[in-house]
Amino acid sequence: MEARDNILEDGCEIVSAQPVSEASVEEIAEAACGVALARESLQEAPAHRNGKLRHVVECMLFVSAEPMSADQIAQTLEVEPERVEDALSVLEEDLNCGHGLQLLRVAGGYQICTRPEFGEYCALILQPAKRKLSKAALETLAVVAYRQPCTIPEVEAVRGVDVGGVMKTLMERRLINEAGRKQAPGRPVLYTTTQEFLEYFGLNDVSELPDIDMLAVEAVKALEAQKDLFSEDAAQDDETGVDEEVGK
């Protein structure tokens, strides 16, 4: 039988006598009338373009040591940032449904972290990731955070003690860094907080720092409460003393 020399009763033309099992996909597609073969479909699409972008983003954030922004993820995967934002929203909703992990926005990016209520269990198998700051370091860092950019003399004026050594420690911990020089006699160095500072305290930016005025009000209220409690205890002691004297 010669190919293309015979027409079947239903009007179909015989285009090849080669067994189908031995023909390639391309040959079958070329032989089929009205069928177009997309060569891209012959290769499996990558996961992030095949309905699994959320899973890919989840894995990237899980292994990343630092927060990643939506733009960073989009550039890495060569996809639109809007698609990444949608994937992050879905991932956040998913993790909020009874998972031990959570998606946080930290230092301008996203990071997968354990939930605070399960932190003690993680501590059972992990060494502390970061050393605790001393009281002096925390106080100095707080001054820099709320007054930045500021100089060492300005910090010392607030704390009332020398902070040169503490500032050096904070620099070594990369919680503060130099940010130019102040236009003043001697041109002292200005200091600001860093990205590591935001990550250390779980902040997205410095605008999330507690309101310092509210902190002052709460501190005053706490002192007043202690004073009232002390006064009540003293009054009770006085009454007890009077009763004992009367009893005699």
Protein backbone atom coordinates (compact mmCIF):
# COMPACT_ATOMS: atom_id res chain seq x y z
CA MET A 1 0.00 0.00 0.00
CA GLU A 2 1.47 3.32 -1.00
CA ALA A 3 1.23 6.18 1.45
CA ARG A 4 -1.05 9.04 0.37
CA ASP A 5 -2.36 6.92 -2.56
CA ASN A 6 -5.49 5.67 -0.87
CA ILE A 7 -8.53 7.30 0.69
CA LEU A 8 -10.53 5.50 3.32
CA GLU A 9 -14.29 5.32 3.10
CA ASP A 10 -14.75 8.03 5.76
CA GLY A 11 -12.70 10.43 3.68
CA CYS A 12 -9.51 10.24 5.75
CA GLU A 13 -6.29 10.16 3.81
CA ILE A 14 -3.70 7.51 4.62
CA VAL A 15 -0.55 9.51 5.23
CA SER A 16 1.75 6.78 6.49
CA ALA A 17 1.94 3.04 6.65
CA GLN A 18 4.40 3.18 9.56
CA PRO A 19 3.09 1.57 12.77
CA VAL A 20 2.04 4.21 15.29
CA SER A 21 4.08 2.59 18.04
CA GLU A 22 7.24 3.30 16.06
CA ALA A 23 6.36 6.87 15.07
CA SER A 24 7.56 9.87 17.09
CA VAL A 25 5.22 12.40 18.68
CA GLU A 26 6.34 15.00 16.14
CA GLU A 27 5.53 12.69 13.22
CA ILE A 28 2.09 11.93 14.59
CA ALA A 29 1.37 15.62 15.15
CA GLU A 30 2.51 16.50 11.64
CA ALA A 31 0.34 13.73 10.18
CA ALA A 32 -2.79 14.70 12.11
CA CYS A 33 -4.83 17.27 10.24
CA GLY A 34 -5.45 20.46 12.22
CA VAL A 35 -3.21 19.52 15.13
CA ALA A 36 -0.48 21.92 16.22
CA LEU A 37 2.22 20.65 18.56
CA ALA A 38 3.70 23.07 21.11
CA ARG A 39 7.28 21.95 21.53
CA GLU A 40 7.43 23.62 24.97
CA SER A 41 4.76 21.17 26.14
CA LEU A 42 7.11 18.28 25.43
CA GLN A 43 9.20 19.38 28.42
CA GLU A 44 7.76 19.55 31.93
CA ALA A 45 7.37 23.13 33.18
CA PRO A 46 9.39 24.09 36.30
CA ALA A 47 7.52 23.86 39.60
CA HIS A 48 7.19 27.61 40.12
CA ARG A 49 5.47 27.90 36.72
CA ASN A 50 3.40 24.79 37.17
CA GLY A 51 1.04 25.77 39.98
CA LYS A 52 3.55 25.22 42.80
CA LEU A 53 4.91 28.74 43.28
CA ARG A 54 3.70 28.83 46.88
CA HIS A 55 5.63 25.64 47.69
CA VAL A 56 8.77 26.99 46.02
CA VAL A 57 8.56 30.27 47.97
CA GLU A 58 8.00 28.34 51.21
CA CYS A 59 11.15 26.26 50.66
CA MET A 60 13.24 29.31 49.72
CA LEU A 61 12.23 31.16 52.89
CA PHE A 62 12.76 28.05 55.00
CA VAL A 63 16.41 27.64 53.97
CA SER A 64 17.26 31.35 53.77
CA ALA A 65 19.33 32.60 56.71
CA GLU A 66 18.03 36.14 56.18
CA PRO A 67 14.62 37.65 55.35
CA MET A 68 13.84 37.83 51.63
CA SER A 69 11.66 40.47 50.01
CA ALA A 70 9.02 39.70 47.40
CA ASP A 71 11.14 41.50 44.80
CA GLN A 72 14.19 39.37 45.63
CA ILE A 73 12.19 36.18 45.25
CA ALA A 74 10.60 37.42 42.02
CA GLN A 75 13.98 38.31 40.51
CA THR A 76 15.44 34.95 41.51
CA LEU A 77 12.56 33.02 39.93
CA GLU A 78 12.09 35.49 37.04
CA VAL A 79 8.39 35.93 37.72
CA GLU A 80 6.18 38.93 38.38
CA PRO A 81 6.36 40.35 41.96
CA GLU A 82 2.55 40.31 42.10
CA ARG A 83 2.56 36.53 41.72
CA VAL A 84 5.04 36.22 44.57
CA GLU A 85 2.92 38.52 46.78
CA ASP A 86 -0.13 36.34 46.06
CA ALA A 87 1.88 33.21 46.89
CA LEU A 88 3.05 34.77 50.16
CA SER A 89 -0.54 35.63 51.12
CA VAL A 90 -1.64 32.04 50.49
CA LEU A 91 1.36 30.72 52.43
CA GLU A 92 0.60 33.00 55.38
CA GLU A 93 -3.03 31.85 55.49
CA ASP A 94 -1.93 28.23 55.29
CA LEU A 95 0.59 28.57 58.14
CA ASN A 96 -2.01 30.32 60.29
CA CYS A 97 -4.21 27.20 60.19
CA GLY A 98 -2.72 25.25 63.07
CA HIS A 99 0.96 25.17 62.11
CA GLY A 100 3.92 25.54 64.45
CA LEU A 101 5.59 27.89 61.97
CA GLN A 102 4.55 31.39 60.97
CA LEU A 103 5.35 33.85 58.20
CA LEU A 104 6.67 37.15 59.54
CA ARG A 105 7.54 40.40 57.82
CA VAL A 106 10.96 41.29 59.22
CA ALA A 107 13.43 44.00 58.18
CA GLY A 108 11.57 44.72 54.95
CA GLY A 109 11.39 41.05 53.93
CA TYR A 110 9.69 37.79 54.81
CA GLN A 111 10.94 35.01 57.07
CA ILE A 112 9.52 31.71 58.27
CA CYS A 113 9.88 31.43 62.06
CA THR A 114 8.67 29.22 64.86
CA ARG A 115 5.73 30.46 66.90
CA PRO A 116 6.73 31.92 70.29
CA GLU A 117 4.66 29.40 72.25
CA PHE A 118 6.83 26.58 70.89
CA GLY A 119 10.18 28.29 71.39
CA GLU A 120 11.09 26.32 74.51
CA TYR A 121 10.87 23.04 72.57
CA CYS A 122 13.24 24.33 69.91
CA ALA A 123 15.62 25.42 72.66
CA LEU A 124 15.84 21.79 73.80
CA ILE A 125 17.83 20.86 70.70
CA LEU A 126 19.33 24.18 69.61
CA GLN A 127 22.04 26.31 71.13
CA PRO A 128 21.06 29.97 71.57
CA ALA A 129 21.52 31.64 68.21
CA LYS A 130 22.48 34.97 69.71
CA ARG A 131 24.10 36.08 72.92
CA LYS A 132 22.01 38.13 75.28
CA LEU A 133 22.80 41.81 75.57
CA SER A 134 23.84 43.22 78.93
CA LYS A 135 21.69 45.84 80.65
CA ALA A 136 24.24 48.53 79.77
CA ALA A 137 24.24 47.45 76.12
CA LEU A 138 20.44 47.45 75.97
CA GLU A 139 20.22 50.92 77.52
CA THR A 140 22.84 52.30 75.14
CA LEU A 141 21.20 50.65 72.15
CA ALA A 142 17.83 52.09 73.16
CA VAL A 143 19.29 55.61 73.21
CA VAL A 144 20.74 55.13 69.73
CA ALA A 145 17.50 53.63 68.41
CA TYR A 146 15.31 56.49 69.61
CA ARG A 147 17.76 59.36 68.93
CA GLN A 148 19.46 58.18 65.73
CA PRO A 149 21.49 59.47 64.12
CA CYS A 150 23.40 60.45 67.25
CA THR A 151 26.96 60.76 68.51
CA ILE A 152 28.72 59.10 71.44
CA PRO A 153 28.73 62.36 73.50
CA GLU A 154 24.96 62.62 72.96
CA VAL A 155 24.46 59.05 74.16
CA GLU A 156 26.68 59.68 77.17
CA ALA A 157 24.70 62.82 78.01
CA VAL A 158 21.55 60.69 78.27
CA ARG A 159 23.09 57.76 80.15
CA GLY A 160 25.44 59.79 82.33
CA VAL A 161 28.31 57.32 81.94
CA ASP A 162 31.08 56.54 79.47
CA VAL A 163 29.71 54.37 76.62
CA GLY A 164 32.79 53.98 74.43
CA GLY A 165 33.27 50.31 75.27
CA VAL A 166 29.59 49.47 74.97
CA MET A 167 29.35 51.22 71.60
CA LYS A 168 32.31 49.16 70.39
CA THR A 169 30.52 45.97 71.47
CA LEU A 170 27.35 47.00 69.65
CA MET A 171 29.43 47.72 66.55
CA GLU A 172 31.03 44.27 66.76
CA ARG A 173 27.58 42.72 67.07
CA ARG A 174 26.57 44.75 64.01
CA LEU A 175 23.59 46.23 65.82
CA ILE A 176 24.77 49.79 65.10
CA ASN A 177 27.06 51.29 62.48
CA GLU A 178 28.60 54.59 61.49
CA ALA A 179 26.40 56.86 59.40
CA GLY A 180 28.62 59.81 58.55
CA ARG A 181 29.76 62.74 60.67
CA LYS A 182 27.86 65.53 62.36
CA GLN A 183 28.42 69.08 61.16
CA ALA A 184 29.74 70.25 64.53
CA PRO A 185 33.13 71.07 66.06
CA GLY A 186 35.35 68.02 65.79
CA ARG A 187 32.85 66.43 63.38
CA PRO A 188 31.93 63.52 65.69
CA VAL A 189 30.78 60.22 64.16
CA LEU A 190 27.05 59.64 63.87
CA TYR A 191 25.59 56.22 64.68
CA THR A 192 22.37 54.50 63.60
CA THR A 193 20.83 51.05 64.04
CA THR A 194 21.24 48.37 61.38
CA GLN A 195 19.35 45.67 59.54
CA GLU A 196 20.67 43.19 62.11
CA PHE A 197 19.09 45.34 64.84
CA LEU A 198 15.68 44.95 63.18
CA GLU A 199 16.17 41.19 62.82
CA TYR A 200 17.36 40.84 66.43
CA PHE A 201 14.20 42.46 67.80
CA GLY A 202 11.82 41.15 65.12
CA LEU A 203 10.94 44.57 63.71
CA ASN A 204 10.07 45.49 60.14
CA ASP A 205 11.41 49.03 60.56
CA VAL A 206 12.19 51.48 63.37
CA SER A 207 8.66 52.92 63.20
CA GLU A 208 7.55 49.76 65.03
CA LEU A 209 9.58 50.68 68.12
CA PRO A 210 7.35 51.15 71.19
CA ASP A 211 6.21 54.72 71.74
CA ILE A 212 8.70 56.18 74.18
CA ASP A 213 6.15 58.53 75.75
CA MET A 214 3.80 55.62 76.47
CA LEU A 215 6.70 53.69 77.98
CA ALA A 216 7.40 56.62 80.29
CA VAL A 217 3.75 56.80 81.34
CA GLU A 218 3.67 53.07 82.06
CA ALA A 219 6.90 53.34 84.07
CA VAL A 220 5.42 56.15 86.18
CA LYS A 221 2.24 54.14 86.74
CA ALA A 222 4.31 51.13 87.84
CA LEU A 223 6.25 53.28 90.31
CA GLU A 224 3.02 54.79 91.67
CA ALA A 225 1.53 51.31 92.06
CA GLN A 226 4.61 50.19 94.01
CA LYS A 227 4.38 53.32 96.16
CA ASP A 228 0.70 52.69 96.92
CA LEU A 229 1.42 49.05 97.75
CA PHE A 230 4.25 50.09 100.07
CA SER A 231 1.96 52.61 101.78
CA GLU A 232 -0.73 49.97 102.30
CA ASP A 233 1.78 47.54 103.79
CA ALA A 234 3.13 50.25 106.10
CA ALA A 235 -0.41 51.15 107.21
CA GLN A 236 -1.21 47.50 107.94
CA ASP A 237 2.01 47.19 109.97
CA ASP A 238 1.03 50.27 111.98
CA GLU A 239 -2.45 48.86 112.67
CA THR A 240 -0.97 45.53 113.73
CA GLY A 241 1.40 47.31 116.08
CA VAL A 242 -1.45 49.29 117.66
CA ASP A 243 -3.55 46.16 118.17
CA GLU A 244 -0.66 44.37 119.82
CA GLU A 245 -0.08 47.34 122.12
CA VAL A 246 -3.76 47.45 123.11
CA GLY A 247 -3.72 43.73 123.77
CA LYS A 248 -0.96 44.18 126.28
